[in-house]
């Protein structure tokens, strides 16, 4: 879908049933290189953060954050900051 839609921002969960978020992020970066991927996950594990960044994620937010922080993170990633 990213190849067809060419989104500006993708909100990505790391835990998905068919394809994990790390590989999905890599594929999105290949198919839609202008898309900025913001990872949303329940894991605060630093190794997950590092793996997400290595996959091309522009940001990382844990699910325990309040909605306003998530919205702010989405806007920051969209701006490239």
N, C-alpha and C. Protein backbone atom coordinates (compact mmCIF):
# COMPACT_ATOMS: atom_id res chain seq x y z
N UNK A 1 0.82 -1.19 0.00
CA UNK A 1 0.00 0.00 0.00
C UNK A 1 0.86 1.26 0.00
N UNK A 2 1.99 1.22 0.69
CA UNK A 2 2.85 2.40 0.75
C UNK A 2 3.34 2.80 -0.64
N UNK A 3 3.64 1.82 -1.47
CA UNK A 3 4.10 2.11 -2.83
C UNK A 3 3.02 2.85 -3.62
N UNK A 4 1.78 2.43 -3.45
CA UNK A 4 0.67 3.07 -4.17
C UNK A 4 0.28 4.41 -3.58
N UNK A 5 0.23 4.50 -2.25
CA UNK A 5 -0.27 5.70 -1.59
C UNK A 5 0.78 6.77 -1.34
N UNK A 6 2.06 6.36 -1.25
CA UNK A 6 3.16 7.27 -0.98
C UNK A 6 2.83 8.20 0.21
N UNK A 7 2.59 7.62 1.39
CA UNK A 7 2.23 8.44 2.55
C UNK A 7 3.39 9.30 3.04
N UNK A 8 3.05 10.35 3.76
CA UNK A 8 4.07 11.18 4.39
C UNK A 8 4.55 10.55 5.69
N UNK A 9 3.59 10.00 6.46
CA UNK A 9 3.89 9.38 7.75
C UNK A 9 3.18 8.04 7.84
N UNK A 10 3.89 7.05 8.38
CA UNK A 10 3.31 5.73 8.65
C UNK A 10 3.47 5.46 10.14
N UNK A 11 2.39 5.11 10.80
CA UNK A 11 2.43 4.71 12.19
C UNK A 11 2.56 3.19 12.21
N UNK A 12 3.68 2.67 12.73
CA UNK A 12 4.02 1.26 12.62
C UNK A 12 4.08 0.58 13.97
N UNK A 13 3.37 -0.51 14.11
CA UNK A 13 3.46 -1.36 15.31
C UNK A 13 4.55 -2.40 15.05
N UNK A 14 5.37 -2.70 16.04
CA UNK A 14 6.41 -3.70 15.85
C UNK A 14 5.87 -5.12 15.89
N UNK A 15 4.80 -5.34 16.63
CA UNK A 15 4.24 -6.69 16.77
C UNK A 15 3.03 -6.85 15.86
N UNK A 16 3.26 -7.52 14.75
CA UNK A 16 2.18 -7.78 13.80
C UNK A 16 2.17 -9.26 13.48
N UNK A 17 1.03 -9.81 13.07
CA UNK A 17 0.92 -11.26 12.89
C UNK A 17 1.70 -11.85 11.72
N UNK A 18 1.83 -11.15 10.62
CA UNK A 18 2.45 -11.75 9.43
C UNK A 18 3.87 -11.26 9.23
N UNK A 19 4.09 -9.99 9.38
CA UNK A 19 5.39 -9.37 9.10
C UNK A 19 5.71 -8.46 10.27
N UNK A 20 6.89 -8.63 10.89
CA UNK A 20 7.19 -7.77 12.03
C UNK A 20 7.45 -6.33 11.57
N UNK A 21 7.32 -5.41 12.49
CA UNK A 21 7.43 -3.99 12.17
C UNK A 21 8.79 -3.56 11.66
N UNK A 22 9.85 -4.27 12.06
CA UNK A 22 11.18 -3.92 11.58
C UNK A 22 11.30 -4.17 10.08
N UNK A 23 10.88 -5.35 9.65
CA UNK A 23 10.94 -5.69 8.22
C UNK A 23 9.95 -4.83 7.43
N UNK A 24 8.77 -4.61 7.99
CA UNK A 24 7.78 -3.77 7.30
C UNK A 24 8.33 -2.35 7.12
N UNK A 25 9.03 -1.84 8.12
CA UNK A 25 9.62 -0.50 8.01
C UNK A 25 10.66 -0.47 6.90
N UNK A 26 11.50 -1.49 6.84
CA UNK A 26 12.50 -1.56 5.75
C UNK A 26 11.82 -1.57 4.38
N UNK A 27 10.78 -2.36 4.25
CA UNK A 27 10.08 -2.45 2.96
C UNK A 27 9.42 -1.14 2.60
N UNK A 28 8.84 -0.48 3.56
CA UNK A 28 8.22 0.83 3.28
C UNK A 28 9.28 1.82 2.83
N UNK A 29 10.43 1.81 3.46
CA UNK A 29 11.50 2.72 3.07
C UNK A 29 11.98 2.44 1.64
N UNK A 30 11.93 1.18 1.23
CA UNK A 30 12.30 0.83 -0.14
C UNK A 30 11.24 1.27 -1.15
N UNK A 31 9.97 1.07 -0.79
CA UNK A 31 8.86 1.34 -1.71
C UNK A 31 8.37 2.79 -1.68
N UNK A 32 8.56 3.45 -0.56
CA UNK A 32 8.09 4.84 -0.40
C UNK A 32 9.15 5.60 0.39
N UNK A 33 10.29 5.89 -0.22
CA UNK A 33 11.43 6.46 0.52
C UNK A 33 11.16 7.82 1.18
N UNK A 34 10.15 8.53 0.74
CA UNK A 34 9.84 9.81 1.37
C UNK A 34 8.99 9.65 2.64
N UNK A 35 8.43 8.47 2.83
CA UNK A 35 7.59 8.21 4.01
C UNK A 35 8.45 8.19 5.26
N UNK A 36 7.95 8.79 6.30
CA UNK A 36 8.61 8.76 7.60
C UNK A 36 7.83 7.79 8.48
N UNK A 37 8.53 6.82 9.02
CA UNK A 37 7.88 5.79 9.83
C UNK A 37 8.06 6.12 11.31
N UNK A 38 6.94 6.19 12.02
CA UNK A 38 6.94 6.38 13.46
C UNK A 38 6.52 5.05 14.08
N UNK A 39 7.40 4.45 14.85
CA UNK A 39 7.13 3.17 15.48
C UNK A 39 6.34 3.39 16.77
N UNK A 40 5.27 2.64 16.92
CA UNK A 40 4.45 2.65 18.12
C UNK A 40 4.46 1.23 18.68
N UNK A 41 4.94 1.09 19.91
CA UNK A 41 5.07 -0.25 20.47
C UNK A 41 4.91 -0.25 21.98
N UNK A 42 4.64 -1.41 22.51
CA UNK A 42 4.54 -1.59 23.95
C UNK A 42 5.90 -1.84 24.59
N UNK A 43 6.92 -2.04 23.78
CA UNK A 43 8.25 -2.40 24.28
C UNK A 43 9.13 -1.17 24.51
N UNK A 44 9.58 -0.96 25.74
CA UNK A 44 10.53 0.13 26.00
C UNK A 44 11.98 -0.32 25.85
N UNK A 45 12.19 -1.53 25.33
CA UNK A 45 13.51 -2.13 25.22
C UNK A 45 14.40 -1.32 24.27
N UNK A 46 15.57 -0.91 24.74
CA UNK A 46 16.50 -0.09 23.95
C UNK A 46 16.92 -0.81 22.66
N UNK A 47 17.05 -2.13 22.69
CA UNK A 47 17.45 -2.85 21.48
C UNK A 47 16.37 -2.73 20.40
N UNK A 48 15.09 -2.67 20.79
CA UNK A 48 14.02 -2.46 19.82
C UNK A 48 14.12 -1.07 19.19
N UNK A 49 14.44 -0.09 20.01
CA UNK A 49 14.63 1.28 19.50
C UNK A 49 15.75 1.28 18.47
N UNK A 50 16.86 0.67 18.81
CA UNK A 50 18.01 0.64 17.90
C UNK A 50 17.68 -0.11 16.61
N UNK A 51 16.95 -1.23 16.73
CA UNK A 51 16.56 -1.99 15.53
C UNK A 51 15.61 -1.19 14.66
N UNK A 52 14.69 -0.48 15.28
CA UNK A 52 13.74 0.35 14.53
C UNK A 52 14.48 1.45 13.78
N UNK A 53 15.42 2.10 14.44
CA UNK A 53 16.22 3.14 13.79
C UNK A 53 17.03 2.56 12.64
N UNK A 54 17.63 1.40 12.85
CA UNK A 54 18.42 0.75 11.79
C UNK A 54 17.55 0.38 10.60
N UNK A 55 16.28 0.09 10.85
CA UNK A 55 15.35 -0.26 9.77
C UNK A 55 14.88 0.97 9.01
N UNK A 56 15.15 2.16 9.57
CA UNK A 56 14.78 3.39 8.88
C UNK A 56 13.68 4.19 9.56
N UNK A 57 13.28 3.79 10.76
CA UNK A 57 12.24 4.54 11.47
C UNK A 57 12.73 5.94 11.81
N UNK A 58 11.84 6.91 11.69
CA UNK A 58 12.18 8.30 12.01
C UNK A 58 11.91 8.62 13.47
N UNK A 59 11.15 7.78 14.15
CA UNK A 59 10.83 8.02 15.55
C UNK A 59 10.26 6.78 16.20
N UNK A 60 10.13 6.84 17.52
CA UNK A 60 9.73 5.68 18.31
C UNK A 60 8.93 6.17 19.51
N UNK A 61 7.72 5.65 19.70
CA UNK A 61 6.87 6.03 20.81
C UNK A 61 6.32 4.77 21.45
N UNK A 62 6.36 4.71 22.79
CA UNK A 62 5.77 3.56 23.47
C UNK A 62 4.28 3.79 23.69
N UNK A 63 3.55 2.68 23.75
CA UNK A 63 2.08 2.75 23.85
C UNK A 63 1.58 3.30 25.17
N UNK A 64 2.44 3.44 26.15
CA UNK A 64 2.00 3.97 27.43
C UNK A 64 1.91 5.50 27.44
N UNK A 65 2.28 6.12 26.36
CA UNK A 65 2.20 7.59 26.25
C UNK A 65 0.75 8.01 26.07
N UNK A 66 0.43 9.20 26.53
CA UNK A 66 -0.93 9.69 26.36
C UNK A 66 -1.12 10.14 24.92
N UNK A 67 -2.35 10.22 24.50
CA UNK A 67 -2.69 10.52 23.10
C UNK A 67 -2.07 11.82 22.62
N UNK A 68 -2.04 12.84 23.45
CA UNK A 68 -1.49 14.13 23.02
C UNK A 68 -0.01 14.01 22.68
N UNK A 69 0.72 13.16 23.42
CA UNK A 69 2.13 12.95 23.11
C UNK A 69 2.29 12.21 21.78
N UNK A 70 1.40 11.28 21.51
CA UNK A 70 1.44 10.55 20.24
C UNK A 70 1.19 11.51 19.08
N UNK A 71 0.20 12.36 19.22
CA UNK A 71 -0.11 13.34 18.16
C UNK A 71 1.09 14.26 17.95
N UNK A 72 1.72 14.71 19.02
CA UNK A 72 2.90 15.58 18.91
C UNK A 72 4.04 14.85 18.20
N UNK A 73 4.21 13.56 18.51
CA UNK A 73 5.27 12.78 17.85
C UNK A 73 4.99 12.62 16.37
N UNK A 74 3.75 12.39 15.99
CA UNK A 74 3.39 12.27 14.57
C UNK A 74 3.70 13.58 13.84
N UNK A 75 3.36 14.71 14.44
CA UNK A 75 3.64 16.00 13.80
C UNK A 75 5.15 16.24 13.71
N UNK A 76 5.89 15.88 14.74
CA UNK A 76 7.35 16.05 14.71
C UNK A 76 7.98 15.22 13.61
N UNK A 77 7.55 13.97 13.46
CA UNK A 77 8.09 13.11 12.41
C UNK A 77 7.71 13.66 11.04
N UNK A 78 6.52 14.15 10.89
CA UNK A 78 6.08 14.72 9.61
C UNK A 78 6.94 15.93 9.23
N UNK A 79 7.33 16.70 10.24
CA UNK A 79 8.18 17.89 9.99
C UNK A 79 9.64 17.51 9.75
N UNK A 80 10.00 16.28 10.12
CA UNK A 80 11.37 15.86 9.96
C UNK A 80 12.24 16.19 11.17
N UNK A 81 11.60 16.47 12.29
CA UNK A 81 12.39 16.81 13.49
C UNK A 81 12.34 15.73 14.53
